[in-house]
Amino acid sequence: MKLTPYFEKIVINKRLEISLDWCDRVIANPLKTESQPDGRIRHWGIIAEADNRVLRVVTLDDGETIHNAFFDRNFRKQLEREAKQI
């Protein structure tokens, strides 16, 4: 597993409830992925062990180096909005 210095120094210490295993699982089997304008890639996945919360994992443009991870409170609302547009 590859990690950016930002993730190693800041994110891991700030968000102790997030497991690296969860990040790996989300990247390997995301509900949704999306490219950011800066080339980074967002991956979303549901974490059953965390009360089915949605974890967003941001990787570098290689799709595997983890740069950020956090629980995304707005993801389900975003999916609902997108479904209404179809």
PDB file of N, CA and C in Angstrom:
ATOM      1  N   MET A   1       0.852  -1.179   0.000  1.00  0.00           N
ATOM      2  CA  MET A   1       0.000   0.000   0.000  1.00  0.00           C
ATOM      3  C   MET A   1       0.892   1.235   0.000  1.00  0.00           C
ATOM      4  N   LYS A   2       0.558   2.152  -0.904  1.00  0.00           N
ATOM      5  CA  LYS A   2       1.310   3.401  -0.984  1.00  0.00           C
ATOM      6  C   LYS A   2       0.510   4.512  -0.318  1.00  0.00           C
ATOM      7  N   LEU A   3       1.213   5.387   0.400  1.00  0.00           N
ATOM      8  CA  LEU A   3       0.590   6.506   1.094  1.00  0.00           C
ATOM      9  C   LEU A   3       1.380   7.771   0.814  1.00  0.00           C
ATOM     10  N   THR A   4       0.692   8.892   0.666  1.00  0.00           N
ATOM     11  CA  THR A   4       1.397  10.166   0.520  1.00  0.00           C
ATOM     12  C   THR A   4       1.902  10.598   1.899  1.00  0.00           C
ATOM     13  N   PRO A   5       2.927  11.456   1.939  1.00  0.00           N
ATOM     14  CA  PRO A   5       3.390  11.985   3.237  1.00  0.00           C
ATOM     15  C   PRO A   5       2.263  12.686   4.001  1.00  0.00           C
ATOM     16  N   TYR A   6       1.380  13.390   3.284  1.00  0.00           N
ATOM     17  CA  TYR A   6       0.250  14.052   3.930  1.00  0.00           C
ATOM     18  C   TYR A   6      -0.617  13.034   4.666  1.00  0.00           C
ATOM     19  N   PHE A   7      -0.926  11.927   4.004  1.00  0.00           N
ATOM     20  CA  PHE A   7      -1.763  10.912   4.635  1.00  0.00           C
ATOM     21  C   PHE A   7      -1.057  10.321   5.852  1.00  0.00           C
ATOM     22  N   GLU A   8       0.223  10.012   5.706  1.00  0.00           N
ATOM     23  CA  GLU A   8       0.984   9.391   6.807  1.00  0.00           C
ATOM     24  C   GLU A   8       1.121  10.305   8.018  1.00  0.00           C
ATOM     25  N   LYS A   9       1.327  11.590   7.779  1.00  0.00           N
ATOM     26  CA  LYS A   9       1.598  12.513   8.899  1.00  0.00           C
ATOM     27  C   LYS A   9       0.358  13.164   9.471  1.00  0.00           C
ATOM     28  N   ILE A  10      -0.615  13.444   8.633  1.00  0.00           N
ATOM     29  CA  ILE A  10      -1.798  14.196   9.081  1.00  0.00           C
ATOM     30  C   ILE A  10      -3.028  13.309   9.254  1.00  0.00           C
ATOM     31  N   VAL A  11      -3.436  12.655   8.194  1.00  0.00           N
ATOM     32  CA  VAL A  11      -4.719  11.948   8.184  1.00  0.00           C
ATOM     33  C   VAL A  11      -4.741  10.799   9.187  1.00  0.00           C
ATOM     34  N   ILE A  12      -3.713   9.974   9.182  1.00  0.00           N
ATOM     35  CA  ILE A  12      -3.695   8.819  10.084  1.00  0.00           C
ATOM     36  C   ILE A  12      -3.798   9.255  11.545  1.00  0.00           C
ATOM     37  N   ASN A  13      -3.141  10.344  11.902  1.00  0.00           N
ATOM     38  CA  ASN A  13      -3.173  10.818  13.285  1.00  0.00           C
ATOM     39  C   ASN A  13      -4.444  11.581  13.626  1.00  0.00           C
ATOM     40  N   LYS A  14      -5.071  12.173  12.626  1.00  0.00           N
ATOM     41  CA  LYS A  14      -6.268  12.979  12.860  1.00  0.00           C
ATOM     42  C   LYS A  14      -7.539  12.130  12.882  1.00  0.00           C
ATOM     43  N   ARG A  15      -7.583  11.113  12.040  1.00  0.00           N
ATOM     44  CA  ARG A  15      -8.791  10.292  11.904  1.00  0.00           C
ATOM     45  C   ARG A  15      -8.497   8.856  12.331  1.00  0.00           C
ATOM     46  N   LEU A  16      -8.327   8.687  13.613  1.00  0.00           N
ATOM     47  CA  LEU A  16      -7.926   7.394  14.173  1.00  0.00           C
ATOM     48  C   LEU A  16      -8.953   6.296  13.942  1.00  0.00           C
ATOM     49  N   GLU A  17     -10.217   6.675  13.725  1.00  0.00           N
ATOM     50  CA  GLU A  17     -11.267   5.668  13.549  1.00  0.00           C
ATOM     51  C   GLU A  17     -11.235   5.018  12.168  1.00  0.00           C
ATOM     52  N   ILE A  18     -10.463   5.566  11.245  1.00  0.00           N
ATOM     53  CA  ILE A  18     -10.404   5.025   9.886  1.00  0.00           C
ATOM     54  C   ILE A  18      -9.243   4.039   9.762  1.00  0.00           C
ATOM     55  N   SER A  19      -9.574   2.850   9.300  1.00  0.00           N
ATOM     56  CA  SER A  19      -8.581   1.792   9.161  1.00  0.00           C
ATOM     57  C   SER A  19      -8.017   1.756   7.741  1.00  0.00           C
ATOM     58  N   LEU A  20      -6.739   1.438   7.643  1.00  0.00           N
ATOM     59  CA  LEU A  20      -6.114   1.295   6.325  1.00  0.00           C
ATOM     60  C   LEU A  20      -6.746   0.156   5.539  1.00  0.00           C
ATOM     61  N   ASP A  21      -7.192  -0.873   6.236  1.00  0.00           N
ATOM     62  CA  ASP A  21      -7.874  -1.982   5.584  1.00  0.00           C
ATOM     63  C   ASP A  21      -9.157  -1.495   4.899  1.00  0.00           C
ATOM     64  N   TRP A  22      -9.886  -0.606   5.566  1.00  0.00           N
ATOM     65  CA  TRP A  22     -11.098  -0.061   4.972  1.00  0.00           C
ATOM     66  C   TRP A  22     -10.761   0.714   3.701  1.00  0.00           C
ATOM     67  N   CYS A  23      -9.692   1.505   3.751  1.00  0.00           N
ATOM     68  CA  CYS A  23      -9.272   2.270   2.573  1.00  0.00           C
ATOM     69  C   CYS A  23      -8.971   1.331   1.411  1.00  0.00           C
ATOM     70  N   ASP A  24      -8.247   0.276   1.686  1.00  0.00           N
ATOM     71  CA  ASP A  24      -7.932  -0.711   0.648  1.00  0.00           C
ATOM     72  C   ASP A  24      -9.197  -1.320   0.051  1.00  0.00           C
ATOM     73  N   ARG A  25     -10.150  -1.655   0.921  1.00  0.00           N
ATOM     74  CA  ARG A  25     -11.396  -2.270   0.456  1.00  0.00           C
ATOM     75  C   ARG A  25     -12.188  -1.325  -0.445  1.00  0.00           C
ATOM     76  N   VAL A  26     -12.221  -0.059  -0.072  1.00  0.00           N
ATOM     77  CA  VAL A  26     -12.963   0.915  -0.881  1.00  0.00           C
ATOM     78  C   VAL A  26     -12.303   1.078  -2.252  1.00  0.00           C
ATOM     79  N   ILE A  27     -10.986   1.146  -2.290  1.00  0.00           N
ATOM     80  CA  ILE A  27     -10.282   1.292  -3.568  1.00  0.00           C
ATOM     81  C   ILE A  27     -10.485   0.053  -4.440  1.00  0.00           C
ATOM     82  N   ALA A  28     -10.454  -1.115  -3.827  1.00  0.00           N
ATOM     83  CA  ALA A  28     -10.590  -2.364  -4.577  1.00  0.00           C
ATOM     84  C   ALA A  28     -12.009  -2.592  -5.104  1.00  0.00           C
ATOM     85  N   ASN A  29     -13.003  -2.089  -4.366  1.00  0.00           N
ATOM     86  CA  ASN A  29     -14.392  -2.348  -4.750  1.00  0.00           C
ATOM     87  C   ASN A  29     -15.267  -1.131  -4.437  1.00  0.00           C
ATOM     88  N   PRO A  30     -15.079  -0.028  -5.160  1.00  0.00           N
ATOM     89  CA  PRO A  30     -15.835   1.190  -4.839  1.00  0.00           C
ATOM     90  C   PRO A  30     -17.279   1.144  -5.321  1.00  0.00           C
ATOM     91  N   LEU A  31     -18.143   1.860  -4.612  1.00  0.00           N
ATOM     92  CA  LEU A  31     -19.517   2.082  -5.085  1.00  0.00           C
ATOM     93  C   LEU A  31     -19.485   3.032  -6.268  1.00  0.00           C
ATOM     94  N   LYS A  32     -18.579   3.990  -6.204  1.00  0.00           N
ATOM     95  CA  LYS A  32     -18.471   5.016  -7.234  1.00  0.00           C
ATOM     96  C   LYS A  32     -17.048   5.547  -7.243  1.00  0.00           C
ATOM     97  N   THR A  33     -16.573   5.929  -8.413  1.00  0.00           N
ATOM     98  CA  THR A  33     -15.290   6.628  -8.530  1.00  0.00           C
ATOM     99  C   THR A  33     -15.514   7.868  -9.385  1.00  0.00           C
ATOM    100  N   GLU A  34     -14.657   8.850  -9.150  1.00  0.00           N
ATOM    101  CA  GLU A  34     -14.790  10.109  -9.868  1.00  0.00           C
ATOM    102  C   GLU A  34     -13.430  10.796  -9.895  1.00  0.00           C
ATOM    103  N   SER A  35     -13.047  11.314 -11.036  1.00  0.00           N
ATOM    104  CA  SER A  35     -11.787  12.051 -11.149  1.00  0.00           C
ATOM    105  C   SER A  35     -11.998  13.502 -10.750  1.00  0.00           C
ATOM    106  N   GLN A  36     -11.032  14.053 -10.049  1.00  0.00           N
ATOM    107  CA  GLN A  36     -11.046  15.460  -9.681  1.00  0.00           C
ATOM    108  C   GLN A  36     -10.305  16.250 -10.754  1.00  0.00           C
ATOM    109  N   PRO A  37     -10.520  17.569 -10.820  1.00  0.00           N
ATOM    110  CA  PRO A  37      -9.811  18.390 -11.809  1.00  0.00           C
ATOM    111  C   PRO A  37      -8.280  18.315 -11.684  1.00  0.00           C
ATOM    112  N   ASP A  38      -7.780  18.063 -10.473  1.00  0.00           N
ATOM    113  CA  ASP A  38      -6.329  17.993 -10.276  1.00  0.00           C
ATOM    114  C   ASP A  38      -5.752  16.615 -10.605  1.00  0.00           C
ATOM    115  N   GLY A  39      -6.598  15.690 -11.071  1.00  0.00           N
ATOM    116  CA  GLY A  39      -6.134  14.361 -11.453  1.00  0.00           C
ATOM    117  C   GLY A  39      -6.301  13.304 -10.378  1.00  0.00           C
ATOM    118  N   ARG A  40      -6.520  13.727  -9.150  1.00  0.00           N
ATOM    119  CA  ARG A  40      -6.752  12.745  -8.087  1.00  0.00           C
ATOM    120  C   ARG A  40      -8.080  12.040  -8.330  1.00  0.00           C
ATOM    121  N   ILE A  41      -8.227  10.875  -7.706  1.00  0.00           N
ATOM    122  CA  ILE A  41      -9.425  10.062  -7.918  1.00  0.00           C
ATOM    123  C   ILE A  41     -10.137   9.846  -6.585  1.00  0.00           C
ATOM    124  N   ARG A  42     -11.433  10.085  -6.578  1.00  0.00           N
ATOM    125  CA  ARG A  42     -12.266   9.842  -5.389  1.00  0.00           C
ATOM    126  C   ARG A  42     -12.895   8.462  -5.525  1.00  0.00           C
ATOM    127  N   HIS A  43     -12.863   7.713  -4.430  1.00  0.00           N
ATOM    128  CA  HIS A  43     -13.481   6.386  -4.365  1.00  0.00           C
ATOM    129  C   HIS A  43     -14.398   6.400  -3.147  1.00  0.00           C
ATOM    130  N   TRP A  44     -15.623   5.910  -3.311  1.00  0.00           N
ATOM    131  CA  TRP A  44     -16.559   5.832  -2.196  1.00  0.00           C
ATOM    132  C   TRP A  44     -16.943   4.384  -1.938  1.00  0.00           C
ATOM    133  N   GLY A  45     -17.118   4.047  -0.659  1.00  0.00           N
ATOM    134  CA  GLY A  45     -17.567   2.718  -0.298  1.00  0.00           C
ATOM    135  C   GLY A  45     -18.235   2.724   1.066  1.00  0.00           C
ATOM    136  N   ILE A  46     -19.121   1.768   1.276  1.00  0.00           N
ATOM    137  CA  ILE A  46     -19.823   1.630   2.559  1.00  0.00           C
ATOM    138  C   ILE A  46     -19.004   0.735   3.474  1.00  0.00           C
ATOM    139  N   ILE A  47     -18.848   1.172   4.709  1.00  0.00           N
ATOM    140  CA  ILE A  47     -18.106   0.410   5.710  1.00  0.00           C
ATOM    141  C   ILE A  47     -19.102  -0.138   6.730  1.00  0.00           C
ATOM    142  N   ALA A  48     -19.390  -1.417   6.634  1.00  0.00           N
ATOM    143  CA  ALA A  48     -20.377  -2.051   7.524  1.00  0.00           C
ATOM    144  C   ALA A  48     -19.977  -1.912   8.988  1.00  0.00           C
ATOM    145  N   GLU A  49     -18.692  -2.076   9.280  1.00  0.00           N
ATOM    146  CA  GLU A  49     -18.205  -2.026  10.664  1.00  0.00           C
ATOM    147  C   GLU A  49     -18.330  -0.640  11.288  1.00  0.00           C
ATOM    148  N   ALA A  50     -18.569   0.369  10.472  1.00  0.00           N
ATOM    149  CA  ALA A  50     -18.710   1.740  10.962  1.00  0.00           C
ATOM    150  C   ALA A  50     -20.159   2.197  10.784  1.00  0.00           C
ATOM    151  N   ASP A  51     -21.083   1.326  11.126  1.00  0.00           N
ATOM    152  CA  ASP A  51     -22.519   1.627  11.050  1.00  0.00           C
ATOM    153  C   ASP A  51     -22.956   2.011   9.634  1.00  0.00           C
ATOM    154  N   ASN A  52     -22.374   1.336   8.647  1.00  0.00           N
ATOM    155  CA  ASN A  52     -22.712   1.555   7.235  1.00  0.00           C
ATOM    156  C   ASN A  52     -22.472   2.990   6.763  1.00  0.00           C
ATOM    157  N   ARG A  53     -21.494   3.640   7.367  1.00  0.00           N
ATOM    158  CA  ARG A  53     -21.124   4.983   6.916  1.00  0.00           C
ATOM    159  C   ARG A  53     -20.362   4.872   5.597  1.00  0.00           C
ATOM    160  N   VAL A  54     -20.373   5.955   4.834  1.00  0.00           N
ATOM    161  CA  VAL A  54     -19.699   5.992   3.538  1.00  0.00           C
ATOM    162  C   VAL A  54     -18.315   6.606   3.711  1.00  0.00           C
ATOM    163  N   LEU A  55     -17.306   5.856   3.296  1.00  0.00           N
ATOM    164  CA  LEU A  55     -15.919   6.325   3.369  1.00  0.00           C
ATOM    165  C   LEU A  55     -15.492   6.802   1.992  1.00  0.00           C
ATOM    166  N   ARG A  56     -14.966   8.022   1.940  1.00  0.00           N
ATOM    167  CA  ARG A  56     -14.378   8.530   0.694  1.00  0.00           C
ATOM    168  C   ARG A  56     -12.866   8.421   0.834  1.00  0.00           C
ATOM    169  N   VAL A  57     -12.244   7.779  -0.136  1.00  0.00           N
ATOM    170  CA  VAL A  57     -10.792   7.646  -0.183  1.00  0.00           C
ATOM    171  C   VAL A  57     -10.323   8.361  -1.440  1.00  0.00           C
ATOM    172  N   VAL A  58      -9.382   9.283  -1.264  1.00  0.00           N
ATOM    173  CA  VAL A  58      -8.840  10.030  -2.388  1.00  0.00           C
ATOM    174  C   VAL A  58      -7.439   9.510  -2.671  1.00  0.00           C
ATOM    175  N   THR A  59      -7.224   9.115  -3.926  1.00  0.00           N
ATOM    176  CA  THR A  59      -5.905   8.627  -4.329  1.00  0.00           C
ATOM    177  C   THR A  59      -5.290   9.607  -5.325  1.00  0.00           C
ATOM    178  N   LEU A  60      -3.983   9.459  -5.504  1.00  0.00           N
ATOM    179  CA  LEU A  60      -3.324  10.212  -6.562  1.00  0.00           C
ATOM    180  C   LEU A  60      -3.803   9.671  -7.904  1.00  0.00           C
ATOM    181  N   ASP A  61      -3.358  10.256  -8.980  1.00  0.00           N
ATOM    182  CA  ASP A  61      -3.842   9.846 -10.299  1.00  0.00           C
ATOM    183  C   ASP A  61      -3.475   8.418 -10.681  1.00  0.00           C
ATOM    184  N   ASP A  62      -2.591   7.772  -9.905  1.00  0.00           N
ATOM    185  CA  ASP A  62      -2.266   6.364 -10.174  1.00  0.00           C
ATOM    186  C   ASP A  62      -3.365   5.421  -9.688  1.00  0.00           C
ATOM    187  N   GLY A  63      -4.321   5.946  -8.905  1.00  0.00           N
ATOM    188  CA  GLY A  63      -5.439   5.143  -8.426  1.00  0.00           C
ATOM    189  C   GLY A  63      -5.116   4.234  -7.259  1.00  0.00           C
ATOM    190  N   GLU A  64      -3.901   4.318  -6.723  1.00  0.00           N
ATOM    191  CA  GLU A  64      -3.549   3.436  -5.609  1.00  0.00           C
ATOM    192  C   GLU A  64      -2.847   4.132  -4.447  1.00  0.00           C
ATOM    193  N   THR A  65      -2.202   5.251  -4.684  1.00  0.00           N
ATOM    194  CA  THR A  65      -1.517   5.962  -3.603  1.00  0.00           C
ATOM    195  C   THR A  65      -2.543   6.790  -2.841  1.00  0.00           C
ATOM    196  N   ILE A  66      -2.768   6.444  -1.567  1.00  0.00           N
ATOM    197  CA  ILE A  66      -3.809   7.095  -0.764  1.00  0.00           C
ATOM    198  C   ILE A  66      -3.327   8.451  -0.270  1.00  0.00           C
ATOM    199  N   HIS A  67      -4.131   9.467  -0.541  1.00  0.00           N
ATOM    200  CA  HIS A  67      -3.811  10.831  -0.131  1.00  0.00           C
ATOM    201  C   HIS A  67      -4.717  11.323   1.001  1.00  0.00           C
ATOM    202  N   ASN A  68      -5.964  10.881   1.013  1.00  0.00           N
ATOM    203  CA  ASN A  68      -6.905  11.342   2.033  1.00  0.00           C
ATOM    204  C   ASN A  68      -8.005  10.308   2.200  1.00  0.00           C
ATOM    205  N   ALA A  69      -8.647  10.323   3.361  1.00  0.00           N
ATOM    206  CA  ALA A  69      -9.785   9.437   3.627  1.00  0.00           C
ATOM    207  C   ALA A  69     -10.621  10.054   4.740  1.00  0.00           C
ATOM    208  N   PHE A  70     -11.922  10.023   4.539  1.00  0.00           N
ATOM    209  CA  PHE A  70     -12.832  10.553   5.560  1.00  0.00           C
ATOM    210  C   PHE A  70     -14.235  10.029   5.297  1.00  0.00           C
ATOM    211  N   PHE A  71     -15.059  10.064   6.340  1.00  0.00           N
ATOM    212  CA  PHE A  71     -16.448   9.675   6.194  1.00  0.00           C
ATOM    213  C   PHE A  71     -17.198  10.827   5.534  1.00  0.00           C
ATOM    214  N   ASP A  72     -17.884  10.518   4.439  1.00  0.00           N
ATOM    215  CA  ASP A  72     -18.553  11.518   3.620  1.00  0.00           C
ATOM    216  C   ASP A  72     -20.040  11.550   3.973  1.00  0.00           C
ATOM    217  N   ARG A  73     -20.435  12.543   4.732  1.00  0.00           N
ATOM    218  CA  ARG A  73     -21.821  12.651   5.186  1.00  0.00           C
ATOM    219  C   ARG A  73     -22.787  13.016   4.071  1.00  0.00           C
ATOM    220  N   ASN A  74     -22.287  13.564   2.981  1.00  0.00           N
ATOM    221  CA  ASN A  74     -23.168  14.060   1.917  1.00  0.00           C
ATOM    222  C   ASN A  74     -23.324  13.096   0.747  1.00  0.00           C
ATOM    223  N   PHE A  75     -22.641  11.975   0.758  1.00  0.00           N
ATOM    224  CA  PHE A  75     -22.639  11.087  -0.398  1.00  0.00           C
ATOM    225  C   PHE A  75     -24.024  10.556  -0.734  1.00  0.00           C
ATOM    226  N   ARG A  76     -24.765  10.106   0.245  1.00  0.00           N
ATOM    227  CA  ARG A  76     -26.096   9.541  -0.021  1.00  0.00           C
ATOM    228  C   ARG A  76     -27.039  10.594  -0.615  1.00  0.00           C
ATOM    229  N   LYS A  77     -26.943  11.831  -0.125  1.00  0.00           N
ATOM    230  CA  LYS A  77     -27.768  12.913  -0.676  1.00  0.00           C
ATOM    231  C   LYS A  77     -27.373  13.198  -2.126  1.00  0.00           C
ATOM    232  N   GLN A  78     -26.084  13.137  -2.407  1.00  0.00           N
ATOM    233  CA  GLN A  78     -25.596  13.360  -3.758  1.00  0.00           C
ATOM    234  C   GLN A  78     -26.142  12.285  -4.703  1.00  0.00           C
ATOM    235  N   LEU A  79     -26.153  11.035  -4.257  1.00  0.00           N
ATOM    236  CA  LEU A  79     -26.703   9.950  -5.084  1.00  0.00           C
ATOM    237  C   LEU A  79     -28.179  10.166  -5.364  1.00  0.00           C
ATOM    238  N   GLU A  80     -28.920  10.629  -4.364  1.00  0.00           N
ATOM    239  CA  GLU A  80     -30.349  10.889  -4.540  1.00  0.00           C
ATOM    240  C   GLU A  80     -30.569  11.986  -5.573  1.00  0.00           C
ATOM    241  N   ARG A  81     -29.765  13.061  -5.509  1.00  0.00           N
ATOM    242  CA  ARG A  81     -29.882  14.152  -6.478  1.00  0.00           C
ATOM    243  C   ARG A  81     -29.577  13.667  -7.894  1.00  0.00           C
ATOM    244  N   GLU A  82     -28.542  12.846  -8.026  1.00  0.00           N
ATOM    245  CA  GLU A  82     -28.169  12.327  -9.336  1.00  0.00           C
ATOM    246  C   GLU A  82     -29.266  11.414  -9.895  1.00  0.00           C
ATOM    247  N   ALA A  83     -29.896  10.620  -9.035  1.00  0.00           N
ATOM    248  CA  ALA A  83     -30.960   9.707  -9.477  1.00  0.00           C
ATOM    249  C   ALA A  83     -32.180  10.494  -9.972  1.00  0.00           C
ATOM    250  N   LYS A  84     -32.461  11.627  -9.361  1.00  0.00           N
ATOM    251  CA  LYS A  84     -33.603  12.450  -9.775  1.00  0.00           C
ATOM    252  C   LYS A  84     -33.370  13.092 -11.134  1.00  0.00           C
ATOM    253  N   GLN A  85     -32.107  13.291 -11.491  1.00  0.00           N
ATOM    254  CA  GLN A  85     -31.777  13.935 -12.761  1.00  0.00           C
ATOM    255  C   GLN A  85     -31.904  12.971 -13.947  1.00  0.00           C
ATOM    256  N   ILE A  86     -31.960  11.696 -13.659  1.00  0.00           N
ATOM    257  CA  ILE A  86     -32.020  10.695 -14.732  1.00  0.00           C
ATOM    258  C   ILE A  86     -33.427  10.584 -15.286  1.00  0.00           C
TER     259      ILE A  86
END
